[in-house]
Amino acid sequence: MVVWIDVSVSQRQLKLYDASVLLKTYPVAIGKVLTPTPTGNYIVVNKEYNPGGPYGVLWMGLSKPHYGIHGTNDPSSIGKEVSAGCIRMHNDDVMELSSLVPIGTNVYIHT
């Protein structure tokens, strides 16, 4: 399996692919106007379970320092422009995603 993550900022969706096959689509929250989600190509560099605070049950750090894909302590924020630039997911979703993507997974973030 060659999994990779596609994040559409405008659609507020994270899609998980195995090569060219779409495996799953998740709703996400994205960065606010003043702290937008950075576009580009990154990789998952670490995973931290139960990081505390607004990060929910899991943090997956990206190769762009201080940015990641993480859970939330505010599920009503999913689908909105509310974060400091990170990709925010429902806790159940981020746990499922984490079980499917190893460290080193490519993450493509675009508008």
PDB file of N, CA and C in Angstrom:
ATOM      1  N   MET A   1       0.839  -1.180   0.000  1.00  0.00           N
ATOM      2  CA  MET A   1       0.000   0.000   0.000  1.00  0.00           C
ATOM      3  C   MET A   1       0.886   1.246   0.000  1.00  0.00           C
ATOM      4  N   VAL A   2       0.590   2.193  -0.882  1.00  0.00           N
ATOM      5  CA  VAL A   2       1.325   3.459  -0.963  1.00  0.00           C
ATOM      6  C   VAL A   2       0.340   4.574  -0.652  1.00  0.00           C
ATOM      7  N   VAL A   3       0.131   4.837   0.640  1.00  0.00           N
ATOM      8  CA  VAL A   3      -0.872   5.820   1.026  1.00  0.00           C
ATOM      9  C   VAL A   3      -0.294   7.229   1.019  1.00  0.00           C
ATOM     10  N   TRP A   4      -1.170   8.189   0.728  1.00  0.00           N
ATOM     11  CA  TRP A   4      -0.825   9.604   0.809  1.00  0.00           C
ATOM     12  C   TRP A   4      -2.086  10.383   1.119  1.00  0.00           C
ATOM     13  N   ILE A   5      -1.891  11.597   1.619  1.00  0.00           N
ATOM     14  CA  ILE A   5      -2.988  12.432   2.094  1.00  0.00           C
ATOM     15  C   ILE A   5      -3.103  13.657   1.205  1.00  0.00           C
ATOM     16  N   ASP A   6      -4.348  13.960   0.812  1.00  0.00           N
ATOM     17  CA  ASP A   6      -4.663  15.142   0.017  1.00  0.00           C
ATOM     18  C   ASP A   6      -5.598  16.011   0.854  1.00  0.00           C
ATOM     19  N   VAL A   7      -5.208  17.258   1.114  1.00  0.00           N
ATOM     20  CA  VAL A   7      -6.044  18.176   1.879  1.00  0.00           C
ATOM     21  C   VAL A   7      -6.460  19.334   0.983  1.00  0.00           C
ATOM     22  N   SER A   8      -7.771  19.488   0.794  1.00  0.00           N
ATOM     23  CA  SER A   8      -8.310  20.627   0.062  1.00  0.00           C
ATOM     24  C   SER A   8      -8.776  21.662   1.080  1.00  0.00           C
ATOM     25  N   VAL A   9      -8.083  22.795   1.124  1.00  0.00           N
ATOM     26  CA  VAL A   9      -8.428  23.863   2.058  1.00  0.00           C
ATOM     27  C   VAL A   9      -9.805  24.431   1.706  1.00  0.00           C
ATOM     28  N   SER A  10     -10.064  24.661   0.415  1.00  0.00           N
ATOM     29  CA  SER A  10     -11.336  25.265   0.018  1.00  0.00           C
ATOM     30  C   SER A  10     -12.524  24.342   0.281  1.00  0.00           C
ATOM     31  N   GLN A  11     -12.331  23.035   0.107  1.00  0.00           N
ATOM     32  CA  GLN A  11     -13.420  22.082   0.368  1.00  0.00           C
ATOM     33  C   GLN A  11     -13.472  21.626   1.822  1.00  0.00           C
ATOM     34  N   ARG A  12     -12.416  21.963   2.572  1.00  0.00           N
ATOM     35  CA  ARG A  12     -12.310  21.541   3.980  1.00  0.00           C
ATOM     36  C   ARG A  12     -12.474  20.027   4.100  1.00  0.00           C
ATOM     37  N   GLN A  13     -11.692  19.340   3.266  1.00  0.00           N
ATOM     38  CA  GLN A  13     -11.706  17.879   3.250  1.00  0.00           C
ATOM     39  C   GLN A  13     -10.296  17.336   3.224  1.00  0.00           C
ATOM     40  N   LEU A  14     -10.122  16.205   3.908  1.00  0.00           N
ATOM     41  CA  LEU A  14      -8.889  15.447   3.850  1.00  0.00           C
ATOM     42  C   LEU A  14      -9.240  14.115   3.206  1.00  0.00           C
ATOM     43  N   LYS A  15      -8.500  13.769   2.157  1.00  0.00           N
ATOM     44  CA  LYS A  15      -8.743  12.507   1.462  1.00  0.00           C
ATOM     45  C   LYS A  15      -7.510  11.625   1.602  1.00  0.00           C
ATOM     46  N   LEU A  16      -7.757  10.359   1.886  1.00  0.00           N
ATOM     47  CA  LEU A  16      -6.684   9.378   1.995  1.00  0.00           C
ATOM     48  C   LEU A  16      -6.710   8.514   0.747  1.00  0.00           C
ATOM     49  N   TYR A  17      -5.562   8.423   0.096  1.00  0.00           N
ATOM     50  CA  TYR A  17      -5.428   7.631  -1.126  1.00  0.00           C
ATOM     51  C   TYR A  17      -4.434   6.498  -0.921  1.00  0.00           C
ATOM     52  N   ASP A  18      -4.670   5.396  -1.651  1.00  0.00           N
ATOM     53  CA  ASP A  18      -3.678   4.348  -1.854  1.00  0.00           C
ATOM     54  C   ASP A  18      -3.331   4.443  -3.334  1.00  0.00           C
ATOM     55  N   ALA A  19      -2.162   5.006  -3.623  1.00  0.00           N
ATOM     56  CA  ALA A  19      -1.778   5.349  -4.999  1.00  0.00           C
ATOM     57  C   ALA A  19      -2.874   6.245  -5.574  1.00  0.00           C
ATOM     58  N   SER A  20      -3.623   5.784  -6.601  1.00  0.00           N
ATOM     59  CA  SER A  20      -4.664   6.632  -7.195  1.00  0.00           C
ATOM     60  C   SER A  20      -6.066   6.257  -6.725  1.00  0.00           C
ATOM     61  N   VAL A  21      -6.167   5.336  -5.776  1.00  0.00           N
ATOM     62  CA  VAL A  21      -7.472   4.876  -5.295  1.00  0.00           C
ATOM     63  C   VAL A  21      -7.866   5.638  -4.019  1.00  0.00           C
ATOM     64  N   LEU A  22      -9.021   6.315  -4.064  1.00  0.00           N
ATOM     65  CA  LEU A  22      -9.519   7.029  -2.893  1.00  0.00           C
ATOM     66  C   LEU A  22     -10.021   6.023  -1.865  1.00  0.00           C
ATOM     67  N   LEU A  23      -9.448   6.067  -0.653  1.00  0.00           N
ATOM     68  CA  LEU A  23      -9.850   5.152   0.409  1.00  0.00           C
ATOM     69  C   LEU A  23     -10.896   5.754   1.327  1.00  0.00           C
ATOM     70  N   LYS A  24     -10.752   7.051   1.631  1.00  0.00           N
ATOM     71  CA  LYS A  24     -11.623   7.655   2.648  1.00  0.00           C
ATOM     72  C   LYS A  24     -11.576   9.172   2.498  1.00  0.00           C
ATOM     73  N   THR A  25     -12.692   9.827   2.819  1.00  0.00           N
ATOM     74  CA  THR A  25     -12.763  11.292   2.850  1.00  0.00           C
ATOM     75  C   THR A  25     -13.232  11.715   4.235  1.00  0.00           C
ATOM     76  N   TYR A  26     -12.550  12.701   4.815  1.00  0.00           N
ATOM     77  CA  TYR A  26     -12.884  13.196   6.151  1.00  0.00           C
ATOM     78  C   TYR A  26     -13.142  14.697   6.103  1.00  0.00           C
ATOM     79  N   PRO A  27     -14.104  15.207   6.889  1.00  0.00           N
ATOM     80  CA  PRO A  27     -14.254  16.657   7.028  1.00  0.00           C
ATOM     81  C   PRO A  27     -13.178  17.192   7.977  1.00  0.00           C
ATOM     82  N   VAL A  28     -12.686  18.386   7.701  1.00  0.00           N
ATOM     83  CA  VAL A  28     -11.643  18.980   8.549  1.00  0.00           C
ATOM     84  C   VAL A  28     -11.929  20.455   8.794  1.00  0.00           C
ATOM     85  N   ALA A  29     -11.310  20.987   9.837  1.00  0.00           N
ATOM     86  CA  ALA A  29     -11.252  22.432  10.061  1.00  0.00           C
ATOM     87  C   ALA A  29      -9.880  22.895   9.567  1.00  0.00           C
ATOM     88  N   ILE A  30      -9.818  24.149   9.155  1.00  0.00           N
ATOM     89  CA  ILE A  30      -8.579  24.704   8.604  1.00  0.00           C
ATOM     90  C   ILE A  30      -8.236  26.010   9.311  1.00  0.00           C
ATOM     91  N   GLY A  31      -7.141  26.616   8.879  1.00  0.00           N
ATOM     92  CA  GLY A  31      -6.678  27.841   9.493  1.00  0.00           C
ATOM     93  C   GLY A  31      -7.587  29.037   9.254  1.00  0.00           C
ATOM     94  N   LYS A  32      -7.525  29.969  10.205  1.00  0.00           N
ATOM     95  CA  LYS A  32      -8.257  31.236  10.100  1.00  0.00           C
ATOM     96  C   LYS A  32      -7.615  32.115   9.028  1.00  0.00           C
ATOM     97  N   VAL A  33      -8.307  33.190   8.652  1.00  0.00           N
ATOM     98  CA  VAL A  33      -7.793  34.117   7.644  1.00  0.00           C
ATOM     99  C   VAL A  33      -6.406  34.636   8.047  1.00  0.00           C
ATOM    100  N   LEU A  34      -6.228  34.978   9.312  1.00  0.00           N
ATOM    101  CA  LEU A  34      -4.947  35.532   9.766  1.00  0.00           C
ATOM    102  C   LEU A  34      -3.882  34.470  10.009  1.00  0.00           C
ATOM    103  N   THR A  35      -4.289  33.211  10.135  1.00  0.00           N
ATOM    104  CA  THR A  35      -3.346  32.106  10.333  1.00  0.00           C
ATOM    105  C   THR A  35      -3.731  30.964   9.391  1.00  0.00           C
ATOM    106  N   PRO A  36      -3.557  31.185   8.073  1.00  0.00           N
ATOM    107  CA  PRO A  36      -4.032  30.199   7.101  1.00  0.00           C
ATOM    108  C   PRO A  36      -3.239  28.889   7.141  1.00  0.00           C
ATOM    109  N   THR A  37      -3.900  27.841   6.703  1.00  0.00           N
ATOM    110  CA  THR A  37      -3.236  26.549   6.547  1.00  0.00           C
ATOM    111  C   THR A  37      -2.235  26.672   5.402  1.00  0.00           C
ATOM    112  N   PRO A  38      -0.966  26.303   5.632  1.00  0.00           N
ATOM    113  CA  PRO A  38       0.042  26.449   4.576  1.00  0.00           C
ATOM    114  C   PRO A  38      -0.147  25.397   3.482  1.00  0.00           C
ATOM    115  N   THR A  39      -0.098  25.853   2.234  1.00  0.00           N
ATOM    116  CA  THR A  39      -0.184  24.906   1.127  1.00  0.00           C
ATOM    117  C   THR A  39       1.218  24.411   0.777  1.00  0.00           C
ATOM    118  N   GLY A  40       1.264  23.238   0.170  1.00  0.00           N
ATOM    119  CA  GLY A  40       2.549  22.659  -0.230  1.00  0.00           C
ATOM    120  C   GLY A  40       2.582  21.168   0.009  1.00  0.00           C
ATOM    121  N   ASN A  41       3.762  20.606  -0.194  1.00  0.00           N
ATOM    122  CA  ASN A  41       3.984  19.176   0.014  1.00  0.00           C
ATOM    123  C   ASN A  41       4.791  18.964   1.286  1.00  0.00           C
ATOM    124  N   TYR A  42       4.276  18.124   2.160  1.00  0.00           N
ATOM    125  CA  TYR A  42       4.917  17.853   3.452  1.00  0.00           C
ATOM    126  C   TYR A  42       4.894  16.352   3.703  1.00  0.00           C
ATOM    127  N   ILE A  43       5.500  15.940   4.799  1.00  0.00           N
ATOM    128  CA  ILE A  43       5.400  14.550   5.227  1.00  0.00           C
ATOM    129  C   ILE A  43       5.045  14.498   6.713  1.00  0.00           C
ATOM    130  N   VAL A  44       4.435  13.397   7.123  1.00  0.00           N
ATOM    131  CA  VAL A  44       4.150  13.158   8.539  1.00  0.00           C
ATOM    132  C   VAL A  44       5.480  12.783   9.202  1.00  0.00           C
ATOM    133  N   VAL A  45       5.893  13.560  10.207  1.00  0.00           N
ATOM    134  CA  VAL A  45       7.197  13.321  10.832  1.00  0.00           C
ATOM    135  C   VAL A  45       7.116  12.708  12.223  1.00  0.00           C
ATOM    136  N   ASN A  46       5.957  12.823  12.886  1.00  0.00           N
ATOM    137  CA  ASN A  46       5.825  12.204  14.210  1.00  0.00           C
ATOM    138  C   ASN A  46       4.362  12.068  14.575  1.00  0.00           C
ATOM    139  N   LYS A  47       4.117  11.255  15.600  1.00  0.00           N
ATOM    140  CA  LYS A  47       2.769  11.076  16.141  1.00  0.00           C
ATOM    141  C   LYS A  47       2.872  11.157  17.657  1.00  0.00           C
ATOM    142  N   GLU A  48       1.947  11.898  18.255  1.00  0.00           N
ATOM    143  CA  GLU A  48       1.920  12.003  19.712  1.00  0.00           C
ATOM    144  C   GLU A  48       0.489  11.770  20.178  1.00  0.00           C
ATOM    145  N   TYR A  49       0.327  10.735  21.007  1.00  0.00           N
ATOM    146  CA  TYR A  49      -1.001  10.413  21.517  1.00  0.00           C
ATOM    147  C   TYR A  49      -1.288  11.202  22.783  1.00  0.00           C
ATOM    148  N   ASN A  50      -2.537  11.638  22.925  1.00  0.00           N
ATOM    149  CA  ASN A  50      -2.992  12.422  24.073  1.00  0.00           C
ATOM    150  C   ASN A  50      -2.102  13.633  24.346  1.00  0.00           C
ATOM    151  N   PRO A  51      -1.931  14.508  23.348  1.00  0.00           N
ATOM    152  CA  PRO A  51      -1.063  15.672  23.543  1.00  0.00           C
ATOM    153  C   PRO A  51      -1.657  16.734  24.462  1.00  0.00           C
ATOM    154  N   GLY A  52      -2.967  16.646  24.719  1.00  0.00           N
ATOM    155  CA  GLY A  52      -3.606  17.605  25.617  1.00  0.00           C
ATOM    156  C   GLY A  52      -4.057  18.865  24.911  1.00  0.00           C
ATOM    157  N   GLY A  53      -4.764  19.700  25.647  1.00  0.00           N
ATOM    158  CA  GLY A  53      -5.223  20.983  25.117  1.00  0.00           C
ATOM    159  C   GLY A  53      -6.149  20.826  23.931  1.00  0.00           C
ATOM    160  N   PRO A  54      -6.000  21.728  22.961  1.00  0.00           N
ATOM    161  CA  PRO A  54      -6.934  21.746  21.828  1.00  0.00           C
ATOM    162  C   PRO A  54      -6.658  20.651  20.793  1.00  0.00           C
ATOM    163  N   TYR A  55      -5.642  19.810  21.024  1.00  0.00           N
ATOM    164  CA  TYR A  55      -5.210  18.852  20.004  1.00  0.00           C
ATOM    165  C   TYR A  55      -5.933  17.515  20.059  1.00  0.00           C
ATOM    166  N   GLY A  56      -6.908  17.389  20.950  1.00  0.00           N
ATOM    167  CA  GLY A  56      -7.675  16.153  21.010  1.00  0.00           C
ATOM    168  C   GLY A  56      -6.827  14.954  21.403  1.00  0.00           C
ATOM    169  N   VAL A  57      -7.121  13.808  20.793  1.00  0.00           N
ATOM    170  CA  VAL A  57      -6.503  12.545  21.202  1.00  0.00           C
ATOM    171  C   VAL A  57      -5.187  12.249  20.497  1.00  0.00           C
ATOM    172  N   LEU A  58      -4.859  13.012  19.442  1.00  0.00           N
ATOM    173  CA  LEU A  58      -3.669  12.669  18.652  1.00  0.00           C
ATOM    174  C   LEU A  58      -3.158  13.873  17.879  1.00  0.00           C
ATOM    175  N   TRP A  59      -1.832  13.992  17.831  1.00  0.00           N
ATOM    176  CA  TRP A  59      -1.148  14.989  17.015  1.00  0.00           C
ATOM    177  C   TRP A  59      -0.249  14.240  16.041  1.00  0.00           C
ATOM    178  N   MET A  60      -0.369  14.556  14.748  1.00  0.00           N
ATOM    179  CA  MET A  60       0.570  14.057  13.734  1.00  0.00           C
ATOM    180  C   MET A  60       1.285  15.277  13.170  1.00  0.00           C
ATOM    181  N   GLY A  61       2.545  15.420  13.541  1.00  0.00           N
ATOM    182  CA  GLY A  61       3.318  16.577  13.108  1.00  0.00           C
ATOM    183  C   GLY A  61       3.723  16.466  11.654  1.00  0.00           C
ATOM    184  N   LEU A  62       3.744  17.636  10.978  1.00  0.00           N
ATOM    185  CA  LEU A  62       4.176  17.686   9.585  1.00  0.00           C
ATOM    186  C   LEU A  62       5.600  18.208   9.483  1.00  0.00           C
ATOM    187  N   SER A  63       6.194  18.020   8.317  1.00  0.00           N
ATOM    188  CA  SER A  63       7.569  18.467   8.100  1.00  0.00           C
ATOM    189  C   SER A  63       7.690  19.988   8.079  1.00  0.00           C
ATOM    190  N   LYS A  64       6.575  20.706   8.078  1.00  0.00           N
ATOM    191  CA  LYS A  64       6.602  22.161   8.280  1.00  0.00           C
ATOM    192  C   LYS A  64       6.453  22.371   9.783  1.00  0.00           C
ATOM    193  N   PRO A  65       7.496  22.854  10.458  1.00  0.00           N
ATOM    194  CA  PRO A  65       7.461  22.958  11.926  1.00  0.00           C
ATOM    195  C   PRO A  65       6.240  23.717  12.440  1.00  0.00           C
ATOM    196  N   HIS A  66       5.701  23.233  13.531  1.00  0.00           N
ATOM    197  CA  HIS A  66       4.560  23.827  14.242  1.00  0.00           C
ATOM    198  C   HIS A  66       3.214  23.586  13.562  1.00  0.00           C
ATOM    199  N   TYR A  67       3.183  22.774  12.504  1.00  0.00           N
ATOM    200  CA  TYR A  67       1.930  22.455  11.831  1.00  0.00           C
ATOM    201  C   TYR A  67       1.690  20.957  11.881  1.00  0.00           C
ATOM    202  N   GLY A  68       0.410  20.586  11.959  1.00  0.00           N
ATOM    203  CA  GLY A  68       0.102  19.172  12.011  1.00  0.00           C
ATOM    204  C   GLY A  68      -1.345  18.881  11.679  1.00  0.00           C
ATOM    205  N   ILE A  69      -1.650  17.593  11.712  1.00  0.00           N
ATOM    206  CA  ILE A  69      -3.004  17.090  11.588  1.00  0.00           C
ATOM    207  C   ILE A  69      -3.345  16.554  12.962  1.00  0.00           C
ATOM    208  N   HIS A  70      -4.445  17.009  13.549  1.00  0.00           N
ATOM    209  CA  HIS A  70      -4.722  16.603  14.928  1.00  0.00           C
ATOM    210  C   HIS A  70      -6.209  16.532  15.211  1.00  0.00           C
ATOM    211  N   GLY A  71      -6.540  15.933  16.334  1.00  0.00           N
ATOM    212  CA  GLY A  71      -7.917  15.879  16.810  1.00  0.00           C
ATOM    213  C   GLY A  71      -8.324  17.230  17.372  1.00  0.00           C
ATOM    214  N   THR A  72      -9.437  17.239  18.087  1.00  0.00           N
ATOM    215  CA  THR A  72      -9.910  18.504  18.643  1.00  0.00           C
ATOM    216  C   THR A  72     -10.673  18.274  19.942  1.00  0.00           C
ATOM    217  N   ASN A  73     -10.670  19.287  20.798  1.00  0.00           N
ATOM    218  CA  ASN A  73     -11.519  19.262  21.994  1.00  0.00           C
ATOM    219  C   ASN A  73     -12.807  20.038  21.735  1.00  0.00           C
ATOM    220  N   ASP A  74     -13.013  20.474  20.473  1.00  0.00           N
ATOM    221  CA  ASP A  74     -14.207  21.233  20.084  1.00  0.00           C
ATOM    222  C   ASP A  74     -14.750  20.684  18.764  1.00  0.00           C
ATOM    223  N   PRO A  75     -15.491  19.563  18.805  1.00  0.00           N
ATOM    224  CA  PRO A  75     -15.951  18.933  17.564  1.00  0.00           C
ATOM    225  C   PRO A  75     -16.820  19.841  16.693  1.00  0.00           C
ATOM    226  N   SER A  76     -17.461  20.854  17.286  1.00  0.00           N
ATOM    227  CA  SER A  76     -18.306  21.754  16.485  1.00  0.00           C
ATOM    228  C   SER A  76     -17.476  22.635  15.552  1.00  0.00           C
ATOM    229  N   SER A  77     -16.145  22.649  15.722  1.00  0.00           N
ATOM    230  CA  SER A  77     -15.290  23.485  14.878  1.00  0.00           C
ATOM    231  C   SER A  77     -14.980  22.835  13.528  1.00  0.00           C
ATOM    232  N   ILE A  78     -15.237  21.541  13.388  1.00  0.00           N
ATOM    233  CA  ILE A  78     -14.915  20.847  12.137  1.00  0.00           C
ATOM    234  C   ILE A  78     -15.741  21.451  11.000  1.00  0.00           C
ATOM    235  N   GLY A  79     -15.067  21.710   9.878  1.00  0.00           N
ATOM    236  CA  GLY A  79     -15.716  22.317   8.729  1.00  0.00           C
ATOM    237  C   GLY A  79     -15.567  23.826   8.678  1.00  0.00           C
ATOM    238  N   LYS A  80     -14.920  24.398   9.690  1.00  0.00           N
ATOM    239  CA  LYS A  80     -14.803  25.859   9.771  1.00  0.00           C
ATOM    240  C   LYS A  80     -13.351  26.320   9.645  1.00  0.00           C
ATOM    241  N   GLU A  81     -13.170  27.629   9.483  1.00  0.00           N
ATOM    242  CA  GLU A  81     -11.845  28.266   9.464  1.00  0.00           C
ATOM    243  C   GLU A  81     -11.553  28.751  10.875  1.00  0.00           C
ATOM    244  N   VAL A  82     -10.925  27.924  11.681  1.00  0.00           N
ATOM    245  CA  VAL A  82     -10.786  28.257  13.098  1.00  0.00           C
ATOM    246  C   VAL A  82      -9.394  28.025  13.684  1.00  0.00           C
ATOM    247  N   SER A  83      -8.547  27.266  13.010  1.00  0.00           N
ATOM    248  CA  SER A  83      -7.278  26.870  13.634  1.00  0.00           C
ATOM    249  C   SER A  83      -6.190  27.913  13.399  1.00  0.00           C
ATOM    250  N   ALA A  84      -5.039  27.652  13.992  1.00  0.00           N
ATOM    251  CA  ALA A  84      -3.866  28.504  13.784  1.00  0.00           C
ATOM    252  C   ALA A  84      -3.067  28.009  12.577  1.00  0.00           C
ATOM    253  N   GLY A  85      -3.730  27.266  11.688  1.00  0.00           N
ATOM    254  CA  GLY A  85      -3.082  26.780  10.474  1.00  0.00           C
ATOM    255  C   GLY A  85      -3.062  25.266  10.359  1.00  0.00           C
ATOM    256  N   CYS A  86      -3.321  24.585  11.464  1.00  0.00           N
ATOM    257  CA  CYS A  86      -3.312  23.124  11.455  1.00  0.00           C
ATOM    258  C   CYS A  86      -4.576  22.565  10.810  1.00  0.00           C
ATOM    259  N   ILE A  87      -4.522  21.278  10.502  1.00  0.00           N
ATOM    260  CA  ILE A  87      -5.664  20.531   9.994  1.00  0.00           C
ATOM    261  C   ILE A  87      -6.293  19.841  11.197  1.00  0.00           C
ATOM    262  N   ARG A  88      -7.512  20.198  11.502  1.00  0.00           N
ATOM    263  CA  ARG A  88      -8.198  19.685  12.695  1.00  0.00           C
ATOM    264  C   ARG A  88      -9.257  18.676  12.266  1.00  0.00           C
ATOM    265  N   MET A  89      -9.306  17.539  12.969  1.00  0.00           N
ATOM    266  CA  MET A  89     -10.240  16.461  12.618  1.00  0.00           C
ATOM    267  C   MET A  89     -11.020  16.004  13.845  1.00  0.00           C
ATOM    268  N   HIS A  90     -12.153  15.328  13.602  1.00  0.00           N
ATOM    269  CA  HIS A  90     -12.843  14.651  14.707  1.00  0.00           C
ATOM    270  C   HIS A  90     -11.877  13.630  15.314  1.00  0.00           C
ATOM    271  N   ASN A  91     -11.939  13.440  16.623  1.00  0.00           N
ATOM    272  CA  ASN A  91     -11.014  12.528  17.298  1.00  0.00           C
ATOM    273  C   ASN A  91     -11.068  11.111  16.740  1.00  0.00           C
ATOM    274  N   ASP A  92     -12.270  10.572  16.506  1.00  0.00           N
ATOM    275  CA  ASP A  92     -12.372   9.223  15.945  1.00  0.00           C
ATOM    276  C   ASP A  92     -11.722   9.154  14.567  1.00  0.00           C
ATOM    277  N   ASP A  93     -11.920  10.207  13.775  1.00  0.00           N
ATOM    278  CA  ASP A  93     -11.347  10.233  12.425  1.00  0.00           C
ATOM    279  C   ASP A  93      -9.826  10.277  12.452  1.00  0.00           C
ATOM    280  N   VAL A  94      -9.256  11.107  13.318  1.00  0.00           N
ATOM    281  CA  VAL A  94      -7.794  11.227  13.336  1.00  0.00           C
ATOM    282  C   VAL A  94      -7.156   9.938  13.861  1.00  0.00           C
ATOM    283  N   MET A  95      -7.840   9.244  14.764  1.00  0.00           N
ATOM    284  CA  MET A  95      -7.322   7.949  15.235  1.00  0.00           C
ATOM    285  C   MET A  95      -7.346   6.922  14.108  1.00  0.00           C
ATOM    286  N   GLU A  96      -8.437   6.897  13.344  1.00  0.00           N
ATOM    287  CA  GLU A  96      -8.518   5.976  12.208  1.00  0.00           C
ATOM    288  C   GLU A  96      -7.444   6.305  11.176  1.00  0.00           C
ATOM    289  N   LEU A  97      -7.316   7.590  10.831  1.00  0.00           N
ATOM    290  CA  LEU A  97      -6.311   8.010   9.857  1.00  0.00           C
ATOM    291  C   LEU A  97      -4.913   7.615  10.309  1.00  0.00           C
ATOM    292  N   SER A  98      -4.614   7.864  11.573  1.00  0.00           N
ATOM    293  CA  SER A  98      -3.290   7.545  12.106  1.00  0.00           C
ATOM    294  C   SER A  98      -2.969   6.060  11.987  1.00  0.00           C
ATOM    295  N   SER A  99      -3.990   5.211  12.142  1.00  0.00           N
ATOM    296  CA  SER A  99      -3.759   3.765  12.053  1.00  0.00           C
ATOM    297  C   SER A  99      -3.459   3.333  10.618  1.00  0.00           C
ATOM    298  N   LEU A 100      -3.780   4.187   9.656  1.00  0.00           N
ATOM    299  CA  LEU A 100      -3.599   3.844   8.244  1.00  0.00           C
ATOM    300  C   LEU A 100      -2.372   4.484   7.608  1.00  0.00           C
ATOM    301  N   VAL A 101      -1.818   5.517   8.250  1.00  0.00           N
ATOM    302  CA  VAL A 101      -0.685   6.226   7.641  1.00  0.00           C
ATOM    303  C   VAL A 101       0.561   6.121   8.523  1.00  0.00           C
ATOM    304  N   PRO A 102       1.648   5.617   7.972  1.00  0.00           N
ATOM    305  CA  PRO A 102       2.900   5.562   8.730  1.00  0.00           C
ATOM    306  C   PRO A 102       3.608   6.912   8.728  1.00  0.00           C
ATOM    307  N   ILE A 103       4.552   7.074   9.633  1.00  0.00           N
ATOM    308  CA  ILE A 103       5.445   8.233   9.584  1.00  0.00           C
ATOM    309  C   ILE A 103       6.154   8.186   8.233  1.00  0.00           C
ATOM    310  N   GLY A 104       6.281   9.342   7.602  1.00  0.00           N
ATOM    311  CA  GLY A 104       6.861   9.413   6.264  1.00  0.00           C
ATOM    312  C   GLY A 104       5.818   9.552   5.171  1.00  0.00           C
ATOM    313  N   THR A 105       4.529   9.487   5.550  1.00  0.00           N
ATOM    314  CA  THR A 105       3.453   9.630   4.570  1.00  0.00           C
ATOM    315  C   THR A 105       3.453  11.026   3.969  1.00  0.00           C
ATOM    316  N   ASN A 106       3.293  11.097   2.645  1.00  0.00           N
ATOM    317  CA  ASN A 106       3.218  12.388   1.956  1.00  0.00           C
ATOM    318  C   ASN A 106       1.867  13.043   2.216  1.00  0.00           C
ATOM    319  N   VAL A 107       1.904  14.375   2.433  1.00  0.00           N
ATOM    320  CA  VAL A 107       0.706  15.178   2.657  1.00  0.00           C
ATOM    321  C   VAL A 107       0.759  16.343   1.669  1.00  0.00           C
ATOM    322  N   TYR A 108      -0.235  16.418   0.798  1.00  0.00           N
ATOM    323  CA  TYR A 108      -0.332  17.481  -0.200  1.00  0.00           C
ATOM    324  C   TYR A 108      -1.483  18.391   0.206  1.00  0.00           C
ATOM    325  N   ILE A 109      -1.170  19.643   0.547  1.00  0.00           N
ATOM    326  CA  ILE A 109      -2.175  20.626   0.958  1.00  0.00           C
ATOM    327  C   ILE A 109      -2.294  21.678  -0.128  1.00  0.00           C
ATOM    328  N   HIS A 110      -3.540  21.910  -0.588  1.00  0.00           N
ATOM    329  CA  HIS A 110      -3.779  22.854  -1.667  1.00  0.00           C
ATOM    330  C   HIS A 110      -5.085  23.597  -1.431  1.00  0.00           C
ATOM    331  N   THR A 111      -5.318  24.640  -2.233  1.00  0.00           N
ATOM    332  CA  THR A 111      -6.537  25.426  -2.067  1.00  0.00           C
ATOM    333  C   THR A 111      -7.764  24.665  -2.546  1.00  0.00           C
TER     334      THR A 111
END
